[in-house]
Amino acid sequence: MITSVMPICKHEDFLLSTKNYRNLLGIDHGSKYIGIAISHKELFVATPLKTIVRKKQQYDFDELIKIIKENDVGGIVVGLPLNMNGTRGPRCQSVETFFRNFL
């Protein structure tokens, strides 16, 4: 269950805000697939877990919730596809909208 939402922040602040000894979920959101990686509880390394083939938004949400529950997730890190010059483009907006709706 998602208990709080934290804005983009420094990684040190993020790690301090997550509950100890729970996994972090890494998400790479694309237009056709959602890549999922999971950290070990020590937060030292993450390994690929699953690729979700995107369907309808509710299906995608249900799959993410299932993964969160099954893997004792204490925090989520979402990749933000910035342009090469660091600006936000249309894909950033798509990712932000998806996760705003998810939360």
PDB file of N, CA and C in Angstrom:
ATOM      1  N   MET A   1       0.834  -1.178   0.000  1.00  0.00           N
ATOM      2  CA  MET A   1       0.000   0.000   0.000  1.00  0.00           C
ATOM      3  C   MET A   1       0.877   1.239   0.000  1.00  0.00           C
ATOM      4  N   ILE A   2       0.598   2.178  -0.848  1.00  0.00           N
ATOM      5  CA  ILE A   2       1.356   3.417  -0.928  1.00  0.00           C
ATOM      6  C   ILE A   2       0.927   4.312   0.225  1.00  0.00           C
ATOM      7  N   THR A   3       1.911   4.722   1.044  1.00  0.00           N
ATOM      8  CA  THR A   3       1.577   5.509   2.230  1.00  0.00           C
ATOM      9  C   THR A   3       1.984   6.966   2.120  1.00  0.00           C
ATOM     10  N   SER A   4       2.900   7.285   1.219  1.00  0.00           N
ATOM     11  CA  SER A   4       3.284   8.681   1.050  1.00  0.00           C
ATOM     12  C   SER A   4       3.881   8.886  -0.328  1.00  0.00           C
ATOM     13  N   VAL A   5       3.878  10.114  -0.763  1.00  0.00           N
ATOM     14  CA  VAL A   5       4.428  10.473  -2.057  1.00  0.00           C
ATOM     15  C   VAL A   5       5.493  11.527  -1.818  1.00  0.00           C
ATOM     16  N   MET A   6       6.636  11.353  -2.458  1.00  0.00           N
ATOM     17  CA  MET A   6       7.730  12.300  -2.285  1.00  0.00           C
ATOM     18  C   MET A   6       8.103  12.867  -3.644  1.00  0.00           C
ATOM     19  N   PRO A   7       8.307  14.148  -3.763  1.00  0.00           N
ATOM     20  CA  PRO A   7       8.683  14.742  -5.043  1.00  0.00           C
ATOM     21  C   PRO A   7      10.111  14.376  -5.427  1.00  0.00           C
ATOM     22  N   ILE A   8      10.514  14.777  -6.614  1.00  0.00           N
ATOM     23  CA  ILE A   8      11.889  14.572  -7.046  1.00  0.00           C
ATOM     24  C   ILE A   8      12.814  15.191  -6.004  1.00  0.00           C
ATOM     25  N   CYS A   9      13.828  14.432  -5.601  1.00  0.00           N
ATOM     26  CA  CYS A   9      14.709  14.901  -4.532  1.00  0.00           C
ATOM     27  C   CYS A   9      16.092  14.295  -4.708  1.00  0.00           C
ATOM     28  N   LYS A  10      17.014  14.709  -3.874  1.00  0.00           N
ATOM     29  CA  LYS A  10      18.352  14.131  -3.864  1.00  0.00           C
ATOM     30  C   LYS A  10      18.263  12.698  -3.360  1.00  0.00           C
ATOM     31  N   HIS A  11      19.153  11.850  -3.883  1.00  0.00           N
ATOM     32  CA  HIS A  11      19.063  10.438  -3.493  1.00  0.00           C
ATOM     33  C   HIS A  11      19.309  10.238  -1.999  1.00  0.00           C
ATOM     34  N   GLU A  12      20.121  11.081  -1.383  1.00  0.00           N
ATOM     35  CA  GLU A  12      20.355  10.947   0.059  1.00  0.00           C
ATOM     36  C   GLU A  12      19.057  11.168   0.840  1.00  0.00           C
ATOM     37  N   ASP A  13      18.291  12.182   0.427  1.00  0.00           N
ATOM     38  CA  ASP A  13      17.018  12.467   1.098  1.00  0.00           C
ATOM     39  C   ASP A  13      16.019  11.338   0.881  1.00  0.00           C
ATOM     40  N   PHE A  14      16.022  10.782  -0.321  1.00  0.00           N
ATOM     41  CA  PHE A  14      15.113   9.678  -0.622  1.00  0.00           C
ATOM     42  C   PHE A  14      15.421   8.477   0.263  1.00  0.00           C
ATOM     43  N   LEU A  15      16.691   8.121   0.355  1.00  0.00           N
ATOM     44  CA  LEU A  15      17.061   6.956   1.162  1.00  0.00           C
ATOM     45  C   LEU A  15      16.712   7.152   2.630  1.00  0.00           C
ATOM     46  N   LEU A  16      16.859   8.371   3.125  1.00  0.00           N
ATOM     47  CA  LEU A  16      16.491   8.641   4.514  1.00  0.00           C
ATOM     48  C   LEU A  16      14.986   8.522   4.739  1.00  0.00           C
ATOM     49  N   SER A  17      14.207   8.781   3.690  1.00  0.00           N
ATOM     50  CA  SER A  17      12.752   8.766   3.843  1.00  0.00           C
ATOM     51  C   SER A  17      12.142   7.375   3.698  1.00  0.00           C
ATOM     52  N   THR A  18      12.884   6.428   3.133  1.00  0.00           N
ATOM     53  CA  THR A  18      12.331   5.086   2.945  1.00  0.00           C
ATOM     54  C   THR A  18      12.472   4.285   4.226  1.00  0.00           C
ATOM     55  N   LYS A  19      11.597   3.322   4.369  1.00  0.00           N
ATOM     56  CA  LYS A  19      11.637   2.474   5.558  1.00  0.00           C
ATOM     57  C   LYS A  19      12.819   1.522   5.449  1.00  0.00           C
ATOM     58  N   ASN A  20      13.470   1.292   6.557  1.00  0.00           N
ATOM     59  CA  ASN A  20      14.638   0.417   6.577  1.00  0.00           C
ATOM     60  C   ASN A  20      14.259  -1.014   6.232  1.00  0.00           C
ATOM     61  N   TYR A  21      15.169  -1.652   5.534  1.00  0.00           N
ATOM     62  CA  TYR A  21      15.073  -3.069   5.210  1.00  0.00           C
ATOM     63  C   TYR A  21      13.838  -3.427   4.391  1.00  0.00           C
ATOM     64  N   ARG A  22      13.470  -2.539   3.484  1.00  0.00           N
ATOM     65  CA  ARG A  22      12.431  -2.854   2.509  1.00  0.00           C
ATOM     66  C   ARG A  22      13.004  -2.579   1.133  1.00  0.00           C
ATOM     67  N   ASN A  23      12.508  -3.283   0.152  1.00  0.00           N
ATOM     68  CA  ASN A  23      13.017  -3.165  -1.207  1.00  0.00           C
ATOM     69  C   ASN A  23      12.585  -1.866  -1.869  1.00  0.00           C
ATOM     70  N   LEU A  24      13.403  -1.420  -2.811  1.00  0.00           N
ATOM     71  CA  LEU A  24      13.023  -0.317  -3.681  1.00  0.00           C
ATOM     72  C   LEU A  24      12.691  -0.893  -5.045  1.00  0.00           C
ATOM     73  N   LEU A  25      11.702  -0.319  -5.678  1.00  0.00           N
ATOM     74  CA  LEU A  25      11.284  -0.733  -7.008  1.00  0.00           C
ATOM     75  C   LEU A  25      11.747   0.329  -7.993  1.00  0.00           C
ATOM     76  N   GLY A  26      12.459  -0.088  -9.027  1.00  0.00           N
ATOM     77  CA  GLY A  26      12.871   0.816 -10.096  1.00  0.00           C
ATOM     78  C   GLY A  26      11.955   0.614 -11.285  1.00  0.00           C
ATOM     79  N   ILE A  27      11.452   1.708 -11.845  1.00  0.00           N
ATOM     80  CA  ILE A  27      10.497   1.608 -12.949  1.00  0.00           C
ATOM     81  C   ILE A  27      10.984   2.425 -14.136  1.00  0.00           C
ATOM     82  N   ASP A  28      11.024   1.770 -15.296  1.00  0.00           N
ATOM     83  CA  ASP A  28      11.339   2.424 -16.561  1.00  0.00           C
ATOM     84  C   ASP A  28      10.071   2.371 -17.402  1.00  0.00           C
ATOM     85  N   HIS A  29       9.365   3.476 -17.459  1.00  0.00           N
ATOM     86  CA  HIS A  29       8.055   3.558 -18.110  1.00  0.00           C
ATOM     87  C   HIS A  29       8.233   3.914 -19.583  1.00  0.00           C
ATOM     88  N   GLY A  30       7.750   3.046 -20.454  1.00  0.00           N
ATOM     89  CA  GLY A  30       7.800   3.308 -21.887  1.00  0.00           C
ATOM     90  C   GLY A  30       6.414   3.268 -22.492  1.00  0.00           C
ATOM     91  N   SER A  31       6.324   3.562 -23.771  1.00  0.00           N
ATOM     92  CA  SER A  31       5.013   3.591 -24.420  1.00  0.00           C
ATOM     93  C   SER A  31       4.456   2.188 -24.664  1.00  0.00           C
ATOM     94  N   LYS A  32       5.335   1.176 -24.771  1.00  0.00           N
ATOM     95  CA  LYS A  32       4.874  -0.194 -25.017  1.00  0.00           C
ATOM     96  C   LYS A  32       5.154  -1.140 -23.850  1.00  0.00           C
ATOM     97  N   TYR A  33       6.171  -0.828 -23.062  1.00  0.00           N
ATOM     98  CA  TYR A  33       6.583  -1.702 -21.968  1.00  0.00           C
ATOM     99  C   TYR A  33       6.866  -0.880 -20.713  1.00  0.00           C
ATOM    100  N   ILE A  34       6.771  -1.552 -19.564  1.00  0.00           N
ATOM    101  CA  ILE A  34       7.216  -0.977 -18.302  1.00  0.00           C
ATOM    102  C   ILE A  34       8.255  -1.941 -17.740  1.00  0.00           C
ATOM    103  N   GLY A  35       9.493  -1.475 -17.646  1.00  0.00           N
ATOM    104  CA  GLY A  35      10.565  -2.289 -17.093  1.00  0.00           C
ATOM    105  C   GLY A  35      10.601  -2.146 -15.582  1.00  0.00           C
ATOM    106  N   ILE A  36      10.737  -3.273 -14.894  1.00  0.00           N
ATOM    107  CA  ILE A  36      10.732  -3.285 -13.433  1.00  0.00           C
ATOM    108  C   ILE A  36      12.034  -3.903 -12.926  1.00  0.00           C
ATOM    109  N   ALA A  37      12.674  -3.217 -11.982  1.00  0.00           N
ATOM    110  CA  ALA A  37      13.843  -3.761 -11.284  1.00  0.00           C
ATOM    111  C   ALA A  37      13.570  -3.664  -9.787  1.00  0.00           C
ATOM    112  N   ILE A  38      14.191  -4.553  -9.033  1.00  0.00           N
ATOM    113  CA  ILE A  38      13.984  -4.570  -7.584  1.00  0.00           C
ATOM    114  C   ILE A  38      15.342  -4.548  -6.889  1.00  0.00           C
ATOM    115  N   SER A  39      15.432  -3.757  -5.840  1.00  0.00           N
ATOM    116  CA  SER A  39      16.678  -3.716  -5.068  1.00  0.00           C
ATOM    117  C   SER A  39      16.675  -4.856  -4.062  1.00  0.00           C
ATOM    118  N   HIS A  40      17.854  -5.141  -3.569  1.00  0.00           N
ATOM    119  CA  HIS A  40      17.949  -6.016  -2.414  1.00  0.00           C
ATOM    120  C   HIS A  40      17.686  -5.150  -1.190  1.00  0.00           C
ATOM    121  N   LYS A  41      17.338  -5.757  -0.095  1.00  0.00           N
ATOM    122  CA  LYS A  41      16.950  -4.992   1.099  1.00  0.00           C
ATOM    123  C   LYS A  41      18.069  -4.087   1.612  1.00  0.00           C
ATOM    124  N   GLU A  42      19.318  -4.416   1.291  1.00  0.00           N
ATOM    125  CA  GLU A  42      20.441  -3.579   1.713  1.00  0.00           C
ATOM    126  C   GLU A  42      20.574  -2.341   0.827  1.00  0.00           C
ATOM    127  N   LEU A  43      19.794  -2.259  -0.246  1.00  0.00           N
ATOM    128  CA  LEU A  43      19.788  -1.139  -1.191  1.00  0.00           C
ATOM    129  C   LEU A  43      21.131  -0.949  -1.879  1.00  0.00           C
ATOM    130  N   PHE A  44      21.879  -2.031  -2.035  1.00  0.00           N
ATOM    131  CA  PHE A  44      23.200  -1.942  -2.644  1.00  0.00           C
ATOM    132  C   PHE A  44      23.144  -2.177  -4.148  1.00  0.00           C
ATOM    133  N   VAL A  45      22.258  -3.049  -4.583  1.00  0.00           N
ATOM    134  CA  VAL A  45      22.175  -3.387  -6.001  1.00  0.00           C
ATOM    135  C   VAL A  45      20.724  -3.688  -6.361  1.00  0.00           C
ATOM    136  N   ALA A  46      20.380  -3.417  -7.604  1.00  0.00           N
ATOM    137  CA  ALA A  46      19.041  -3.757  -8.108  1.00  0.00           C
ATOM    138  C   ALA A  46      19.203  -4.713  -9.280  1.00  0.00           C
ATOM    139  N   THR A  47      18.245  -5.619  -9.410  1.00  0.00           N
ATOM    140  CA  THR A  47      18.276  -6.569 -10.512  1.00  0.00           C
ATOM    141  C   THR A  47      16.953  -6.515 -11.265  1.00  0.00           C
ATOM    142  N   PRO A  48      16.995  -6.821 -12.565  1.00  0.00           N
ATOM    143  CA  PRO A  48      15.748  -6.832 -13.337  1.00  0.00           C
ATOM    144  C   PRO A  48      14.766  -7.839 -12.748  1.00  0.00           C
ATOM    145  N   LEU A  49      13.505  -7.467 -12.731  1.00  0.00           N
ATOM    146  CA  LEU A  49      12.480  -8.343 -12.166  1.00  0.00           C
ATOM    147  C   LEU A  49      11.481  -8.784 -13.223  1.00  0.00           C
ATOM    148  N   LYS A  50      10.952  -7.832 -13.984  1.00  0.00           N
ATOM    149  CA  LYS A  50       9.867  -8.161 -14.902  1.00  0.00           C
ATOM    150  C   LYS A  50       9.713  -7.048 -15.929  1.00  0.00           C
ATOM    151  N   THR A  51       9.179  -7.418 -17.079  1.00  0.00           N
ATOM    152  CA  THR A  51       8.764  -6.443 -18.078  1.00  0.00           C
ATOM    153  C   THR A  51       7.261  -6.583 -18.252  1.00  0.00           C
ATOM    154  N   ILE A  52       6.551  -5.504 -18.021  1.00  0.00           N
ATOM    155  CA  ILE A  52       5.098  -5.501 -18.205  1.00  0.00           C
ATOM    156  C   ILE A  52       4.814  -5.017 -19.619  1.00  0.00           C
ATOM    157  N   VAL A  53       4.083  -5.816 -20.376  1.00  0.00           N
ATOM    158  CA  VAL A  53       3.627  -5.370 -21.691  1.00  0.00           C
ATOM    159  C   VAL A  53       2.413  -4.488 -21.448  1.00  0.00           C
ATOM    160  N   ARG A  54       2.520  -3.222 -21.833  1.00  0.00           N
ATOM    161  CA  ARG A  54       1.460  -2.261 -21.537  1.00  0.00           C
ATOM    162  C   ARG A  54       0.187  -2.612 -22.280  1.00  0.00           C
ATOM    163  N   LYS A  55      -0.917  -2.470 -21.577  1.00  0.00           N
ATOM    164  CA  LYS A  55      -2.239  -2.667 -22.159  1.00  0.00           C
ATOM    165  C   LYS A  55      -3.053  -1.442 -21.805  1.00  0.00           C
ATOM    166  N   LYS A  56      -4.131  -1.621 -21.096  1.00  0.00           N
ATOM    167  CA  LYS A  56      -4.903  -0.469 -20.623  1.00  0.00           C
ATOM    168  C   LYS A  56      -4.297   0.027 -19.318  1.00  0.00           C
ATOM    169  N   GLN A  57      -4.524   1.294 -19.017  1.00  0.00           N
ATOM    170  CA  GLN A  57      -3.921   1.901 -17.837  1.00  0.00           C
ATOM    171  C   GLN A  57      -4.270   1.142 -16.563  1.00  0.00           C
ATOM    172  N   GLN A  58      -5.507   0.729 -16.390  1.00  0.00           N
ATOM    173  CA  GLN A  58      -5.894   0.017 -15.172  1.00  0.00           C
ATOM    174  C   GLN A  58      -5.155  -1.307 -15.055  1.00  0.00           C
ATOM    175  N   TYR A  59      -4.945  -2.002 -16.176  1.00  0.00           N
ATOM    176  CA  TYR A  59      -4.166  -3.244 -16.166  1.00  0.00           C
ATOM    177  C   TYR A  59      -2.743  -2.963 -15.686  1.00  0.00           C
ATOM    178  N   ASP A  60      -2.136  -1.902 -16.236  1.00  0.00           N
ATOM    179  CA  ASP A  60      -0.776  -1.535 -15.834  1.00  0.00           C
ATOM    180  C   ASP A  60      -0.716  -1.246 -14.336  1.00  0.00           C
ATOM    181  N   PHE A  61      -1.692  -0.492 -13.826  1.00  0.00           N
ATOM    182  CA  PHE A  61      -1.749  -0.179 -12.398  1.00  0.00           C
ATOM    183  C   PHE A  61      -1.878  -1.455 -11.570  1.00  0.00           C
ATOM    184  N   ASP A  62      -2.766  -2.349 -11.982  1.00  0.00           N
ATOM    185  CA  ASP A  62      -2.978  -3.601 -11.247  1.00  0.00           C
ATOM    186  C   ASP A  62      -1.700  -4.435 -11.190  1.00  0.00           C
ATOM    187  N   GLU A  63      -0.969  -4.488 -12.300  1.00  0.00           N
ATOM    188  CA  GLU A  63       0.288  -5.239 -12.332  1.00  0.00           C
ATOM    189  C   GLU A  63       1.318  -4.622 -11.385  1.00  0.00           C
ATOM    190  N   LEU A  64       1.418  -3.299 -11.389  1.00  0.00           N
ATOM    191  CA  LEU A  64       2.357  -2.623 -10.486  1.00  0.00           C
ATOM    192  C   LEU A  64       1.993  -2.861  -9.023  1.00  0.00           C
ATOM    193  N   ILE A  65       0.723  -2.764  -8.703  1.00  0.00           N
ATOM    194  CA  ILE A  65       0.275  -2.997  -7.321  1.00  0.00           C
ATOM    195  C   ILE A  65       0.589  -4.423  -6.888  1.00  0.00           C
ATOM    196  N   LYS A  66       0.375  -5.373  -7.774  1.00  0.00           N
ATOM    197  CA  LYS A  66       0.675  -6.773  -7.474  1.00  0.00           C
ATOM    198  C   LYS A  66       2.170  -6.951  -7.178  1.00  0.00           C
ATOM    199  N   ILE A  67       3.014  -6.346  -7.988  1.00  0.00           N
ATOM    200  CA  ILE A  67       4.463  -6.441  -7.789  1.00  0.00           C
ATOM    201  C   ILE A  67       4.864  -5.786  -6.470  1.00  0.00           C
ATOM    202  N   ILE A  68       4.285  -4.634  -6.162  1.00  0.00           N
ATOM    203  CA  ILE A  68       4.592  -3.924  -4.914  1.00  0.00           C
ATOM    204  C   ILE A  68       4.246  -4.792  -3.711  1.00  0.00           C
ATOM    205  N   LYS A  69       3.083  -5.413  -3.727  1.00  0.00           N
ATOM    206  CA  LYS A  69       2.656  -6.257  -2.606  1.00  0.00           C
ATOM    207  C   LYS A  69       3.514  -7.509  -2.474  1.00  0.00           C
ATOM    208  N   GLU A  70       3.859  -8.130  -3.598  1.00  0.00           N
ATOM    209  CA  GLU A  70       4.610  -9.386  -3.577  1.00  0.00           C
ATOM    210  C   GLU A  70       6.062  -9.206  -3.147  1.00  0.00           C
ATOM    211  N   ASN A  71       6.595  -7.990  -3.261  1.00  0.00           N
ATOM    212  CA  ASN A  71       8.026  -7.788  -3.055  1.00  0.00           C
ATOM    213  C   ASN A  71       8.378  -6.866  -1.896  1.00  0.00           C
ATOM    214  N   ASP A  72       7.442  -6.612  -0.998  1.00  0.00           N
ATOM    215  CA  ASP A  72       7.702  -5.802   0.193  1.00  0.00           C
ATOM    216  C   ASP A  72       8.409  -4.492  -0.171  1.00  0.00           C
ATOM    217  N   VAL A  73       7.797  -3.738  -1.066  1.00  0.00           N
ATOM    218  CA  VAL A  73       8.392  -2.505  -1.583  1.00  0.00           C
ATOM    219  C   VAL A  73       8.183  -1.361  -0.601  1.00  0.00           C
ATOM    220  N   GLY A  74       9.271  -0.664  -0.277  1.00  0.00           N
ATOM    221  CA  GLY A  74       9.207   0.479   0.629  1.00  0.00           C
ATOM    222  C   GLY A  74       9.351   1.807  -0.076  1.00  0.00           C
ATOM    223  N   GLY A  75       9.713   1.789  -1.365  1.00  0.00           N
ATOM    224  CA  GLY A  75       9.860   3.022  -2.132  1.00  0.00           C
ATOM    225  C   GLY A  75       9.950   2.712  -3.613  1.00  0.00           C
ATOM    226  N   ILE A  76       9.630   3.703  -4.418  1.00  0.00           N
ATOM    227  CA  ILE A  76       9.644   3.540  -5.871  1.00  0.00           C
ATOM    228  C   ILE A  76      10.515   4.625  -6.478  1.00  0.00           C
ATOM    229  N   VAL A  77      11.393   4.217  -7.394  1.00  0.00           N
ATOM    230  CA  VAL A  77      12.228   5.146  -8.147  1.00  0.00           C
ATOM    231  C   VAL A  77      11.781   5.053  -9.602  1.00  0.00           C
ATOM    232  N   VAL A  78      11.363   6.191 -10.154  1.00  0.00           N
ATOM    233  CA  VAL A  78      10.864   6.222 -11.532  1.00  0.00           C
ATOM    234  C   VAL A  78      11.875   6.947 -12.403  1.00  0.00           C
ATOM    235  N   GLY A  79      12.259   6.314 -13.499  1.00  0.00           N
ATOM    236  CA  GLY A  79      13.157   6.958 -14.451  1.00  0.00           C
ATOM    237  C   GLY A  79      12.426   8.051 -15.212  1.00  0.00           C
ATOM    238  N   LEU A  80      13.022   9.222 -15.266  1.00  0.00           N
ATOM    239  CA  LEU A  80      12.426  10.352 -15.965  1.00  0.00           C
ATOM    240  C   LEU A  80      13.229  10.591 -17.243  1.00  0.00           C
ATOM    241  N   PRO A  81      12.620  10.393 -18.410  1.00  0.00           N
ATOM    242  CA  PRO A  81      13.358  10.479 -19.682  1.00  0.00           C
ATOM    243  C   PRO A  81      13.612  11.923 -20.123  1.00  0.00           C
ATOM    244  N   LEU A  82      14.601  12.550 -19.514  1.00  0.00           N
ATOM    245  CA  LEU A  82      14.945  13.924 -19.875  1.00  0.00           C
ATOM    246  C   LEU A  82      15.608  13.963 -21.249  1.00  0.00           C
ATOM    247  N   ASN A  83      15.472  15.091 -21.917  1.00  0.00           N
ATOM    248  CA  ASN A  83      16.181  15.299 -23.178  1.00  0.00           C
ATOM    249  C   ASN A  83      17.678  15.373 -22.894  1.00  0.00           C
ATOM    250  N   MET A  84      18.486  15.247 -23.939  1.00  0.00           N
ATOM    251  CA  MET A  84      19.938  15.271 -23.773  1.00  0.00           C
ATOM    252  C   MET A  84      20.436  16.565 -23.129  1.00  0.00           C
ATOM    253  N   ASN A  85      19.700  17.650 -23.301  1.00  0.00           N
ATOM    254  CA  ASN A  85      20.112  18.930 -22.710  1.00  0.00           C
ATOM    255  C   ASN A  85      19.514  19.143 -21.314  1.00  0.00           C
ATOM    256  N   GLY A  86      18.846  18.119 -20.777  1.00  0.00           N
ATOM    257  CA  GLY A  86      18.300  18.192 -19.425  1.00  0.00           C
ATOM    258  C   GLY A  86      16.891  18.743 -19.322  1.00  0.00           C
ATOM    259  N   THR A  87      16.300  19.127 -20.443  1.00  0.00           N
ATOM    260  CA  THR A  87      14.939  19.660 -20.414  1.00  0.00           C
ATOM    261  C   THR A  87      13.926  18.525 -20.462  1.00  0.00           C
ATOM    262  N   ARG A  88      12.704  18.868 -20.100  1.00  0.00           N
ATOM    263  CA  ARG A  88      11.613  17.890 -20.123  1.00  0.00           C
ATOM    264  C   ARG A  88      10.894  17.962 -21.463  1.00  0.00           C
ATOM    265  N   GLY A  89      10.697  16.784 -22.043  1.00  0.00           N
ATOM    266  CA  GLY A  89       9.978  16.701 -23.304  1.00  0.00           C
ATOM    267  C   GLY A  89       8.647  15.997 -23.133  1.00  0.00           C
ATOM    268  N   PRO A  90       8.023  15.615 -24.238  1.00  0.00           N
ATOM    269  CA  PRO A  90       6.710  14.965 -24.180  1.00  0.00           C
ATOM    270  C   PRO A  90       6.709  13.644 -23.410  1.00  0.00           C
ATOM    271  N   ARG A  91       7.787  12.872 -23.477  1.00  0.00           N
ATOM    272  CA  ARG A  91       7.830  11.597 -22.755  1.00  0.00           C
ATOM    273  C   ARG A  91       7.835  11.826 -21.243  1.00  0.00           C
ATOM    274  N   CYS A  92       8.500  12.886 -20.795  1.00  0.00           N
ATOM    275  CA  CYS A  92       8.481  13.212 -19.357  1.00  0.00           C
ATOM    276  C   CYS A  92       7.059  13.481 -18.904  1.00  0.00           C
ATOM    277  N   GLN A  93       6.340  14.227 -19.696  1.00  0.00           N
ATOM    278  CA  GLN A  93       4.956  14.549 -19.345  1.00  0.00           C
ATOM    279  C   GLN A  93       4.120  13.278 -19.272  1.00  0.00           C
ATOM    280  N   SER A  94       4.340  12.360 -20.204  1.00  0.00           N
ATOM    281  CA  SER A  94       3.604  11.100 -20.214  1.00  0.00           C
ATOM    282  C   SER A  94       3.895  10.282 -18.951  1.00  0.00           C
ATOM    283  N   VAL A  95       5.165  10.201 -18.571  1.00  0.00           N
ATOM    284  CA  VAL A  95       5.557   9.456 -17.366  1.00  0.00           C
ATOM    285  C   VAL A  95       4.955  10.105 -16.123  1.00  0.00           C
ATOM    286  N   GLU A  96       5.064  11.420 -16.024  1.00  0.00           N
ATOM    287  CA  GLU A  96       4.523  12.126 -14.856  1.00  0.00           C
ATOM    288  C   GLU A  96       3.011  11.957 -14.744  1.00  0.00           C
ATOM    289  N   THR A  97       2.312  12.031 -15.857  1.00  0.00           N
ATOM    290  CA  THR A  97       0.855  11.858 -15.853  1.00  0.00           C
ATOM    291  C   THR A  97       0.479  10.445 -15.419  1.00  0.00           C
ATOM    292  N   PHE A  98       1.182   9.450 -15.961  1.00  0.00           N
ATOM    293  CA  PHE A  98       0.909   8.059 -15.610  1.00  0.00           C
ATOM    294  C   PHE A  98       1.040   7.850 -14.106  1.00  0.00           C
ATOM    295  N   PHE A  99       2.132   8.337 -13.512  1.00  0.00           N
ATOM    296  CA  PHE A  99       2.357   8.088 -12.089  1.00  0.00           C
ATOM    297  C   PHE A  99       1.517   8.989 -11.197  1.00  0.00           C
ATOM    298  N   ARG A 100       1.151  10.147 -11.674  1.00  0.00           N
ATOM    299  CA  ARG A 100       0.206  10.981 -10.919  1.00  0.00           C
ATOM    300  C   ARG A 100      -1.135  10.246 -10.823  1.00  0.00           C
ATOM    301  N   ASN A 101      -1.566   9.631 -11.918  1.00  0.00           N
ATOM    302  CA  ASN A 101      -2.813   8.858 -11.916  1.00  0.00           C
ATOM    303  C   ASN A 101      -2.682   7.587 -11.071  1.00  0.00           C
ATOM    304  N   PHE A 102      -1.507   6.988 -11.074  1.00  0.00           N
ATOM    305  CA  PHE A 102      -1.267   5.767 -10.299  1.00  0.00           C
ATOM    306  C   PHE A 102      -1.358   6.044  -8.802  1.00  0.00           C
ATOM    307  N   LEU A 103      -0.803   7.170  -8.387  1.00  0.00           N
ATOM    308  CA  LEU A 103      -0.791   7.490  -6.963  1.00  0.00           C
ATOM    309  C   LEU A 103      -2.117   8.046  -6.529  1.00  0.00           C
TER     310      LEU A 103
END
